[in-house]
Amino acid sequence: MDAYNQNNPQYQTGGYANYQGPPGEPMVSPQPYPQYAQPQPQYNQQPYNPQSTYDYPQNNQEMPNYKDEYGAGHDEINFNVRQGFIVKTYGILLSQLALSTIFISLTFIDKVRDLLVFDTAAHPLFLVFFIVFMIVTIVVFVMFICCRETARKVPTNYILLFSYTICMSFFLAIVCAESKPKYVIGALFLTCGATVGLTIYAARTKTDFTYLGGFLFACVLILIISAGLWFWIDYYAFYCAFGVLIYSLYLIYDTQLILGKFGLEYNIDDYCWAALNLYIDIVYLFIKILELLNKN
């Protein structure tokens, strides 16, 4: 019975709906044909997010690196690259400050101080050097602003930077030669303390100072325009104190641009330009402190 039913193809396929089996044998109900589960396609179903219409890449290197006209990156620059930029910038800055300190220390020698006293009658060539160095500083600063690609090329950027540093160090020597050595030393210590403190504050604070660029530039213009008024109006102490405040804010502003803590930052190729801005902030902060100490 079982062998007969199993070998019958019609029985196996269910062809006989009312098949009763051979005569005299008990009826055996045909077994249904086994049904196998068909594999269903698997879809990567994710919950719908109406605010997300594009799957952004996780790697920052896949994102386009858009730059604005000031060289600030709008995307997050790699942390190691930014750290290298910071180390290079402050290394150049320390070299500039060391060179200027050497020029300032020479003014403690009496013969050098007498030579640097701004007396055009006794030293007519002194005025020529003074004018030439002033022209060099202006030309170099304008080239860093207007010829940004040229200022990024090595060794052109280093030549321009240290040419500016030598000229500015010469001006610092003239200013220090006109002051007493104790005032120069006091101004040096005060400037070092202020620079270190303001740098730490700029790195630790959560306040964004990078939006103050236009305001600080306007204040410097006011400072330059009103430079000669203290000859007629007795506000020289206020003028020097105002200069110390402005260049202190400028130091915080440029430090945050170098660190890249907020939206606006220096391009990593502008390390010489960043070092030059910090150097100018520190130099003029020193000059204003020295003038405030030597106001009489």
Protein backbone atom coordinates (compact mmCIF):
# COMPACT_ATOMS: atom_id res chain seq x y z
CA MET A 1 0.00 0.00 0.00
CA ASP A 2 2.68 2.53 1.00
CA ALA A 3 5.01 1.51 -1.79
CA TYR A 4 2.17 1.68 -4.29
CA ASN A 5 1.12 5.11 -3.22
CA GLN A 6 4.65 6.46 -3.15
CA ASN A 7 5.48 5.17 -6.65
CA ASN A 8 2.33 6.55 -8.24
CA PRO A 9 3.20 9.93 -9.80
CA GLN A 10 -0.40 11.04 -9.86
CA TYR A 11 -0.75 10.25 -6.21
CA GLN A 12 2.43 12.15 -5.44
CA THR A 13 1.27 15.19 -7.36
CA GLY A 14 -2.23 15.06 -5.98
CA GLY A 15 -3.76 14.18 -9.35
CA TYR A 16 -6.50 11.95 -7.85
CA ALA A 17 -8.54 14.07 -5.56
CA ASN A 18 -10.89 11.17 -4.55
CA TYR A 19 -8.49 8.25 -4.83
CA GLN A 20 -9.56 5.45 -2.47
CA GLY A 21 -6.64 3.06 -2.94
CA PRO A 22 -6.78 -0.61 -4.11
CA PRO A 23 -9.93 -2.60 -3.38
CA GLY A 24 -9.98 -4.18 0.04
CA GLU A 25 -7.32 -1.86 1.46
CA PRO A 26 -7.99 0.90 3.95
CA MET A 27 -8.13 4.36 2.53
CA VAL A 28 -5.03 6.46 3.00
CA SER A 29 -5.36 10.18 2.59
CA PRO A 30 -2.81 11.59 0.20
CA GLN A 31 -0.14 13.72 1.81
CA PRO A 32 -0.05 17.31 0.62
CA TYR A 33 2.92 18.49 -1.38
CA PRO A 34 5.35 20.27 0.96
CA GLN A 35 5.44 24.05 0.63
CA TYR A 36 8.83 25.69 0.91
CA ALA A 37 9.23 29.28 2.04
CA GLN A 38 10.41 31.52 -0.75
CA PRO A 39 13.35 33.80 0.19
CA GLN A 40 12.22 37.38 0.51
CA PRO A 41 14.50 40.24 -0.57
CA GLN A 42 16.02 42.12 2.35
CA TYR A 43 15.88 45.90 2.16
CA ASN A 44 17.92 48.28 4.30
CA GLN A 45 14.98 50.01 5.85
CA GLN A 46 15.81 53.02 7.99
CA PRO A 47 13.46 55.37 9.76
CA TYR A 48 12.50 58.32 7.62
CA ASN A 49 14.10 61.61 8.63
CA PRO A 50 12.53 64.57 6.77
CA GLN A 51 15.51 66.80 7.58
CA SER A 52 18.11 64.45 6.12
CA THR A 53 18.11 64.18 2.35
CA TYR A 54 21.77 63.37 1.75
CA ASP A 55 24.13 60.88 3.34
CA TYR A 56 27.18 63.03 4.07
CA PRO A 57 30.55 61.24 4.14
CA GLN A 58 32.05 60.58 7.50
CA ASN A 59 35.61 61.30 6.43
CA ASN A 60 36.51 65.00 6.38
CA GLN A 61 38.91 64.43 3.51
CA GLU A 62 35.98 63.54 1.24
CA MET A 63 34.38 66.91 1.80
CA PRO A 64 35.32 69.79 -0.52
CA ASN A 65 37.60 72.37 1.09
CA TYR A 66 35.93 75.66 0.32
CA LYS A 67 37.88 78.83 1.13
CA ASP A 68 36.74 82.39 1.38
CA GLU A 69 38.65 85.47 0.22
CA TYR A 70 40.38 85.84 3.58
CA GLY A 71 41.78 82.33 3.42
CA ALA A 72 39.54 80.99 6.20
CA GLY A 73 38.41 77.40 5.90
CA HIS A 74 34.68 76.67 6.26
CA ASP A 75 35.20 72.98 6.85
CA GLU A 76 36.89 71.42 9.84
CA ILE A 77 40.62 71.18 9.13
CA ASN A 78 42.41 68.12 10.37
CA PHE A 79 43.56 68.57 13.96
CA ASN A 80 47.14 67.49 13.29
CA VAL A 81 47.48 69.88 10.36
CA ARG A 82 46.19 72.78 12.46
CA GLN A 83 48.59 71.87 15.27
CA GLY A 84 51.51 71.92 12.83
CA PHE A 85 50.40 75.32 11.57
CA ILE A 86 50.28 76.68 15.14
CA VAL A 87 53.75 75.34 15.98
CA LYS A 88 55.24 76.80 12.79
CA THR A 89 53.59 80.19 13.33
CA TYR A 90 54.77 80.58 16.92
CA GLY A 91 58.25 79.32 16.00
CA ILE A 92 58.56 82.11 13.42
CA LEU A 93 57.16 84.61 15.93
CA LEU A 94 59.77 83.67 18.54
CA SER A 95 62.52 84.17 15.94
CA GLN A 96 61.18 87.64 15.16
CA LEU A 97 60.95 88.60 18.82
CA ALA A 98 64.46 87.30 19.49
CA LEU A 99 65.84 89.43 16.66
CA SER A 100 64.03 92.53 17.95
CA THR A 101 65.25 91.86 21.49
CA ILE A 102 68.84 91.84 20.23
CA PHE A 103 68.33 95.26 18.62
CA ILE A 104 66.74 96.59 21.82
CA SER A 105 69.55 95.24 24.00
CA LEU A 106 72.10 97.14 21.89
CA THR A 107 70.54 100.41 23.04
CA PHE A 108 71.85 99.74 26.56
CA ILE A 109 75.32 100.53 25.21
CA ASP A 110 76.01 104.26 25.49
CA LYS A 111 77.76 104.62 22.12
CA VAL A 112 74.97 102.82 20.30
CA ARG A 113 72.35 104.88 22.11
CA ASP A 114 74.05 108.11 21.14
CA LEU A 115 74.23 106.94 17.54
CA LEU A 116 70.52 106.03 17.43
CA VAL A 117 69.29 109.31 18.85
CA PHE A 118 67.19 110.85 16.11
CA ASP A 119 69.35 113.87 15.29
CA THR A 120 69.23 114.61 11.57
CA ALA A 121 71.64 117.55 11.90
CA ALA A 122 74.40 115.41 13.40
CA HIS A 123 73.65 112.33 11.29
CA PRO A 124 72.13 113.29 7.91
CA LEU A 125 72.34 109.72 6.57
CA PHE A 126 70.31 108.57 9.53
CA LEU A 127 67.22 110.22 8.08
CA VAL A 128 67.81 108.46 4.74
CA PHE A 129 67.95 105.06 6.42
CA PHE A 130 64.87 105.91 8.42
CA ILE A 131 62.87 106.79 5.28
CA VAL A 132 64.10 103.70 3.39
CA PHE A 133 63.20 101.37 6.24
CA MET A 134 59.77 102.96 6.54
CA ILE A 135 59.12 102.43 2.83
CA VAL A 136 60.23 98.80 3.12
CA THR A 137 57.83 98.10 5.98
CA ILE A 138 54.91 99.63 4.07
CA VAL A 139 55.71 97.78 0.84
CA VAL A 140 56.11 94.43 2.59
CA PHE A 141 52.88 94.84 4.52
CA VAL A 142 50.97 95.75 1.35
CA MET A 143 52.45 92.75 -0.47
CA PHE A 144 51.25 90.40 2.26
CA ILE A 145 47.75 91.83 1.91
CA CYS A 146 47.43 92.22 -1.87
CA CYS A 147 49.78 89.49 -3.18
CA ARG A 148 48.69 86.64 -0.98
CA GLU A 149 49.87 83.88 -3.35
CA THR A 150 53.32 85.45 -3.63
CA ALA A 151 53.52 85.74 0.15
CA ARG A 152 52.85 81.99 0.45
CA LYS A 153 55.80 80.90 -1.66
CA VAL A 154 59.02 79.75 0.00
CA PRO A 155 61.50 81.44 0.41
CA THR A 156 59.77 84.65 -0.75
CA ASN A 157 57.54 84.75 2.32
CA TYR A 158 60.49 84.35 4.69
CA ILE A 159 62.50 87.05 2.90
CA LEU A 160 59.61 89.50 3.10
CA LEU A 161 58.87 88.62 6.70
CA PHE A 162 62.38 89.05 8.05
CA SER A 163 62.94 92.19 5.97
CA TYR A 164 59.97 93.67 7.78
CA THR A 165 61.30 92.36 11.09
CA ILE A 166 64.72 93.98 10.62
CA CYS A 167 63.18 97.34 9.72
CA MET A 168 60.78 97.22 12.65
CA SER A 169 63.59 96.21 15.00
CA PHE A 170 65.50 99.29 13.84
CA PHE A 171 62.50 101.47 14.73
CA LEU A 172 62.26 99.78 18.12
CA ALA A 173 65.92 100.54 18.76
CA ILE A 174 65.27 104.21 17.99
CA VAL A 175 62.30 104.31 20.37
CA CYS A 176 64.23 102.58 23.14
CA ALA A 177 67.26 104.85 22.64
CA GLU A 178 65.04 107.82 23.47
CA SER A 179 63.90 106.21 26.74
CA LYS A 180 65.61 105.35 29.98
CA PRO A 181 66.85 101.75 30.28
CA LYS A 182 64.71 101.10 33.38
CA TYR A 183 61.59 102.05 31.44
CA VAL A 184 62.62 99.79 28.55
CA ILE A 185 63.18 96.83 30.87
CA GLY A 186 59.88 97.49 32.63
CA ALA A 187 58.03 97.68 29.32
CA LEU A 188 59.64 94.40 28.21
CA PHE A 189 58.48 92.55 31.31
CA LEU A 190 54.99 94.04 31.17
CA THR A 191 54.66 93.15 27.49
CA CYS A 192 55.81 89.57 28.08
CA GLY A 193 53.34 89.14 30.93
CA ALA A 194 50.48 90.67 28.95
CA THR A 195 51.26 88.55 25.87
CA VAL A 196 51.35 85.28 27.79
CA GLY A 197 48.18 86.11 29.75
CA LEU A 198 46.21 87.26 26.73
CA THR A 199 47.30 84.21 24.71
CA ILE A 200 46.11 81.85 27.44
CA TYR A 201 42.84 83.76 27.72
CA ALA A 202 42.27 83.62 23.94
CA ALA A 203 42.90 79.87 23.94
CA ARG A 204 40.67 79.09 26.95
CA THR A 205 37.76 81.48 26.56
CA LYS A 206 34.51 80.53 24.83
CA THR A 207 33.92 84.11 23.69
CA ASP A 208 34.40 84.67 19.98
CA PHE A 209 36.59 87.71 19.24
CA THR A 210 37.07 86.95 15.54
CA TYR A 211 34.08 89.10 14.56
CA LEU A 212 35.80 92.25 15.93
CA GLY A 213 38.11 92.70 12.93
CA GLY A 214 36.29 95.71 11.48
CA PHE A 215 35.87 97.38 14.85
CA LEU A 216 39.56 96.99 15.74
CA PHE A 217 40.66 98.28 12.35
CA ALA A 218 38.50 101.39 12.82
CA CYS A 219 40.01 101.94 16.28
CA VAL A 220 43.54 101.73 14.88
CA LEU A 221 42.65 104.31 12.23
CA ILE A 222 41.36 106.62 14.97
CA LEU A 223 44.56 106.00 16.90
CA ILE A 224 46.72 106.91 13.91
CA ILE A 225 44.72 110.01 12.98
CA SER A 226 44.73 111.35 16.52
CA ALA A 227 48.46 110.63 17.05
CA GLY A 228 49.54 114.25 16.72
CA LEU A 229 46.72 115.88 18.66
CA TRP A 230 48.38 115.33 22.03
CA PHE A 231 50.85 118.10 21.12
CA TRP A 232 47.96 120.57 21.52
CA ILE A 233 45.67 118.63 23.86
CA ASP A 234 46.99 117.13 27.07
CA TYR A 235 45.58 113.64 26.74
CA TYR A 236 48.79 111.72 26.07
CA ALA A 237 48.26 109.25 28.95
CA PHE A 238 44.74 108.47 27.73
CA TYR A 239 46.05 108.07 24.18
CA CYS A 240 48.67 105.53 25.29
CA ALA A 241 46.18 103.63 27.48
CA PHE A 242 43.73 103.47 24.58
CA GLY A 243 46.51 102.08 22.37
CA VAL A 244 47.35 99.40 24.95
CA LEU A 245 43.68 98.35 25.03
CA ILE A 246 43.32 98.19 21.24
CA TYR A 247 46.48 96.15 20.66
CA SER A 248 45.58 93.82 23.53
CA LEU A 249 42.27 93.10 21.80
CA TYR A 250 44.10 92.68 18.52
CA LEU A 251 46.38 90.11 20.17
CA ILE A 252 43.36 88.08 21.31
CA TYR A 253 41.76 88.45 17.88
CA ASP A 254 44.82 87.20 15.95
CA THR A 255 45.46 84.40 18.44
CA GLN A 256 41.97 83.00 17.94
CA LEU A 257 42.38 83.23 14.17
CA ILE A 258 45.56 81.14 14.47
CA LEU A 259 44.04 78.58 16.83
CA GLY A 260 40.94 78.18 14.64
CA LYS A 261 38.54 77.83 17.56
CA PHE A 262 35.67 79.58 15.82
CA GLY A 263 34.35 80.05 12.29
CA LEU A 264 36.97 82.46 10.95
CA GLU A 265 40.58 81.28 10.88
CA TYR A 266 43.86 81.68 9.03
CA ASN A 267 44.63 79.44 6.09
CA ILE A 268 47.32 76.91 6.96
CA ASP A 269 49.52 78.30 4.16
CA ASP A 270 49.50 81.80 5.69
CA TYR A 271 51.82 81.03 8.59
CA CYS A 272 54.10 83.99 7.76
CA TRP A 273 51.14 86.36 7.53
CA ALA A 274 49.79 85.09 10.86
CA ALA A 275 53.20 85.45 12.53
CA LEU A 276 53.55 88.97 11.12
CA ASN A 277 50.19 90.05 12.56
CA LEU A 278 51.06 88.68 15.99
CA TYR A 279 54.46 90.35 15.83
CA ILE A 280 52.88 93.71 15.00
CA ASP A 281 50.43 93.35 17.89
CA ILE A 282 53.19 92.61 20.39
CA VAL A 283 55.53 95.34 19.08
CA TYR A 284 52.93 98.09 19.22
CA LEU A 285 51.74 96.87 22.60
CA PHE A 286 55.33 97.23 23.81
CA ILE A 287 55.63 100.71 22.28
CA LYS A 288 52.42 101.94 23.91
CA ILE A 289 53.41 100.55 27.31
CA LEU A 290 56.83 102.17 26.98
CA GLU A 291 55.25 105.50 26.04
CA LEU A 292 52.90 105.22 28.98
CA LEU A 293 55.82 104.62 31.36
CA ASN A 294 57.89 107.36 29.75
CA LYS A 295 55.06 109.88 29.30
CA ASN A 296 57.01 112.69 30.98
